[in-house]
Amino acid sequence: MRKRKMYLSVEDIAELFELSVSFAYRVVERMNADLESKNYYVILGRVPTRYVELPHLRH
């Protein structure tokens, strides 16, 4: 059984959204800026899986 990740790395974001790794760094930076503006603790280069799964990110 595979354990679900709590945080997604830049490489995970690139794969999930089919982006280049260099562009995924910018996306993660913006996601972290959004989280930081909401007073969440951020880890550079990682994004909480729950944040990525939020409905506002789906098209």
N, C-alpha and C. Protein backbone atom coordinates (compact mmCIF):
# COMPACT_ATOMS: atom_id res chain seq x y z
N MET A 1 0.83 -1.17 0.00
CA MET A 1 0.00 0.00 0.00
C MET A 1 0.89 1.25 0.00
N ARG A 2 0.59 2.16 -0.91
CA ARG A 2 1.39 3.38 -1.03
C ARG A 2 0.81 4.47 -0.15
N LYS A 3 1.67 5.09 0.64
CA LYS A 3 1.24 6.15 1.54
C LYS A 3 1.11 7.46 0.75
N ARG A 4 0.06 8.20 1.05
CA ARG A 4 -0.20 9.47 0.39
C ARG A 4 0.77 10.52 0.91
N LYS A 5 1.33 11.31 0.00
CA LYS A 5 2.27 12.36 0.39
C LYS A 5 1.53 13.53 1.02
N MET A 6 2.11 14.10 2.06
CA MET A 6 1.54 15.29 2.68
C MET A 6 1.91 16.54 1.88
N TYR A 7 3.10 16.53 1.27
CA TYR A 7 3.57 17.65 0.48
C TYR A 7 3.99 17.17 -0.90
N LEU A 8 3.72 17.99 -1.91
CA LEU A 8 4.15 17.70 -3.28
C LEU A 8 5.37 18.55 -3.60
N SER A 9 6.33 17.95 -4.26
CA SER A 9 7.54 18.67 -4.65
C SER A 9 7.30 19.38 -5.98
N VAL A 10 8.27 20.16 -6.39
CA VAL A 10 8.19 20.84 -7.69
C VAL A 10 8.07 19.82 -8.80
N GLU A 11 8.81 18.74 -8.70
CA GLU A 11 8.75 17.69 -9.72
C GLU A 11 7.36 17.05 -9.77
N ASP A 12 6.74 16.86 -8.61
CA ASP A 12 5.38 16.32 -8.56
C ASP A 12 4.40 17.27 -9.24
N ILE A 13 4.53 18.56 -8.98
CA ILE A 13 3.64 19.56 -9.58
C ILE A 13 3.84 19.59 -11.10
N ALA A 14 5.09 19.52 -11.54
CA ALA A 14 5.38 19.50 -12.98
C ALA A 14 4.71 18.31 -13.65
N GLU A 15 4.79 17.16 -13.02
CA GLU A 15 4.19 15.95 -13.58
C GLU A 15 2.66 16.02 -13.54
N LEU A 16 2.12 16.47 -12.44
CA LEU A 16 0.67 16.52 -12.26
C LEU A 16 0.00 17.46 -13.25
N PHE A 17 0.58 18.64 -13.46
CA PHE A 17 -0.01 19.65 -14.34
C PHE A 17 0.61 19.67 -15.74
N GLU A 18 1.52 18.72 -16.00
CA GLU A 18 2.20 18.61 -17.29
C GLU A 18 2.92 19.91 -17.65
N LEU A 19 3.78 20.36 -16.73
CA LEU A 19 4.55 21.58 -16.89
C LEU A 19 6.04 21.23 -16.94
N SER A 20 6.82 22.17 -17.43
CA SER A 20 8.26 22.00 -17.31
C SER A 20 8.63 22.23 -15.85
N VAL A 21 9.73 21.67 -15.44
CA VAL A 21 10.16 21.81 -14.04
C VAL A 21 10.45 23.27 -13.73
N SER A 22 11.05 23.99 -14.67
CA SER A 22 11.38 25.40 -14.42
C SER A 22 10.11 26.23 -14.22
N PHE A 23 9.05 25.96 -14.99
CA PHE A 23 7.80 26.69 -14.81
C PHE A 23 7.10 26.24 -13.53
N ALA A 24 7.23 24.98 -13.19
CA ALA A 24 6.61 24.46 -11.96
C ALA A 24 7.20 25.17 -10.74
N TYR A 25 8.48 25.56 -10.78
CA TYR A 25 9.06 26.32 -9.68
C TYR A 25 8.31 27.63 -9.48
N ARG A 26 7.95 28.30 -10.57
CA ARG A 26 7.20 29.55 -10.47
C ARG A 26 5.80 29.30 -9.91
N VAL A 27 5.18 28.21 -10.34
CA VAL A 27 3.84 27.87 -9.86
C VAL A 27 3.88 27.61 -8.36
N VAL A 28 4.84 26.83 -7.91
CA VAL A 28 4.98 26.51 -6.49
C VAL A 28 5.26 27.78 -5.69
N GLU A 29 6.07 28.66 -6.25
CA GLU A 29 6.37 29.93 -5.58
C GLU A 29 5.09 30.75 -5.38
N ARG A 30 4.22 30.79 -6.39
CA ARG A 30 2.95 31.52 -6.27
C ARG A 30 2.00 30.84 -5.28
N MET A 31 1.98 29.52 -5.31
CA MET A 31 1.13 28.79 -4.36
C MET A 31 1.59 29.07 -2.94
N ASN A 32 2.90 29.06 -2.72
CA ASN A 32 3.44 29.34 -1.39
C ASN A 32 3.18 30.78 -0.98
N ALA A 33 3.23 31.71 -1.91
CA ALA A 33 2.93 33.11 -1.60
C ALA A 33 1.47 33.24 -1.16
N ASP A 34 0.58 32.53 -1.84
CA ASP A 34 -0.84 32.55 -1.47
C ASP A 34 -1.03 31.98 -0.07
N LEU A 35 -0.38 30.87 0.21
CA LEU A 35 -0.49 30.25 1.53
C LEU A 35 0.09 31.17 2.61
N GLU A 36 1.21 31.79 2.31
CA GLU A 36 1.86 32.67 3.28
C GLU A 36 0.97 33.89 3.58
N SER A 37 0.28 34.38 2.56
CA SER A 37 -0.62 35.53 2.78
C SER A 37 -1.79 35.16 3.68
N LYS A 38 -2.08 33.87 3.77
CA LYS A 38 -3.15 33.37 4.64
C LYS A 38 -2.60 32.87 5.97
N ASN A 39 -1.36 33.26 6.26
CA ASN A 39 -0.66 32.93 7.51
C ASN A 39 -0.42 31.44 7.72
N TYR A 40 -0.20 30.71 6.64
CA TYR A 40 0.19 29.30 6.75
C TYR A 40 1.71 29.22 6.72
N TYR A 41 2.22 28.20 7.36
CA TYR A 41 3.65 27.91 7.33
C TYR A 41 3.96 27.28 5.98
N VAL A 42 4.99 27.75 5.29
CA VAL A 42 5.34 27.19 3.98
C VAL A 42 6.72 26.56 4.01
N ILE A 43 6.89 25.57 3.16
CA ILE A 43 8.18 24.91 2.97
C ILE A 43 8.58 25.20 1.53
N LEU A 44 9.70 25.87 1.35
CA LEU A 44 10.13 26.23 0.01
C LEU A 44 10.30 24.99 -0.86
N GLY A 45 9.75 25.07 -2.08
CA GLY A 45 9.87 23.96 -3.02
C GLY A 45 8.85 22.86 -2.82
N ARG A 46 7.94 23.05 -1.87
CA ARG A 46 6.89 22.05 -1.60
C ARG A 46 5.56 22.75 -1.36
N VAL A 47 4.48 22.03 -1.70
CA VAL A 47 3.13 22.55 -1.51
C VAL A 47 2.31 21.44 -0.86
N PRO A 48 1.48 21.78 0.12
CA PRO A 48 0.63 20.76 0.74
C PRO A 48 -0.29 20.10 -0.30
N THR A 49 -0.41 18.81 -0.25
CA THR A 49 -1.27 18.08 -1.19
C THR A 49 -2.70 18.57 -1.10
N ARG A 50 -3.17 18.85 0.10
CA ARG A 50 -4.56 19.34 0.25
C ARG A 50 -4.78 20.66 -0.47
N TYR A 51 -3.79 21.52 -0.49
CA TYR A 51 -3.92 22.80 -1.19
C TYR A 51 -4.08 22.58 -2.69
N VAL A 52 -3.34 21.64 -3.23
CA VAL A 52 -3.40 21.36 -4.67
C VAL A 52 -4.75 20.73 -5.03
N GLU A 53 -5.34 20.00 -4.10
CA GLU A 53 -6.61 19.32 -4.36
C GLU A 53 -7.82 20.23 -4.20
N LEU A 54 -7.64 21.46 -3.76
CA LEU A 54 -8.77 22.36 -3.56
C LEU A 54 -9.50 22.62 -4.88
N PRO A 55 -10.83 22.76 -4.83
CA PRO A 55 -11.63 22.95 -6.04
C PRO A 55 -11.25 24.17 -6.88
N HIS A 56 -10.74 25.24 -6.26
CA HIS A 56 -10.42 26.45 -7.04
C HIS A 56 -9.29 26.22 -8.02
N LEU A 57 -8.53 25.14 -7.89
CA LEU A 57 -7.45 24.85 -8.83
C LEU A 57 -7.90 24.00 -10.00
N ARG A 58 -9.10 23.49 -9.94
CA ARG A 58 -9.61 22.65 -11.02
C ARG A 58 -10.32 23.51 -12.05
N HIS A 59 -10.20 23.12 -13.31
CA HIS A 59 -10.86 23.87 -14.38
C HIS A 59 -12.07 23.13 -14.83
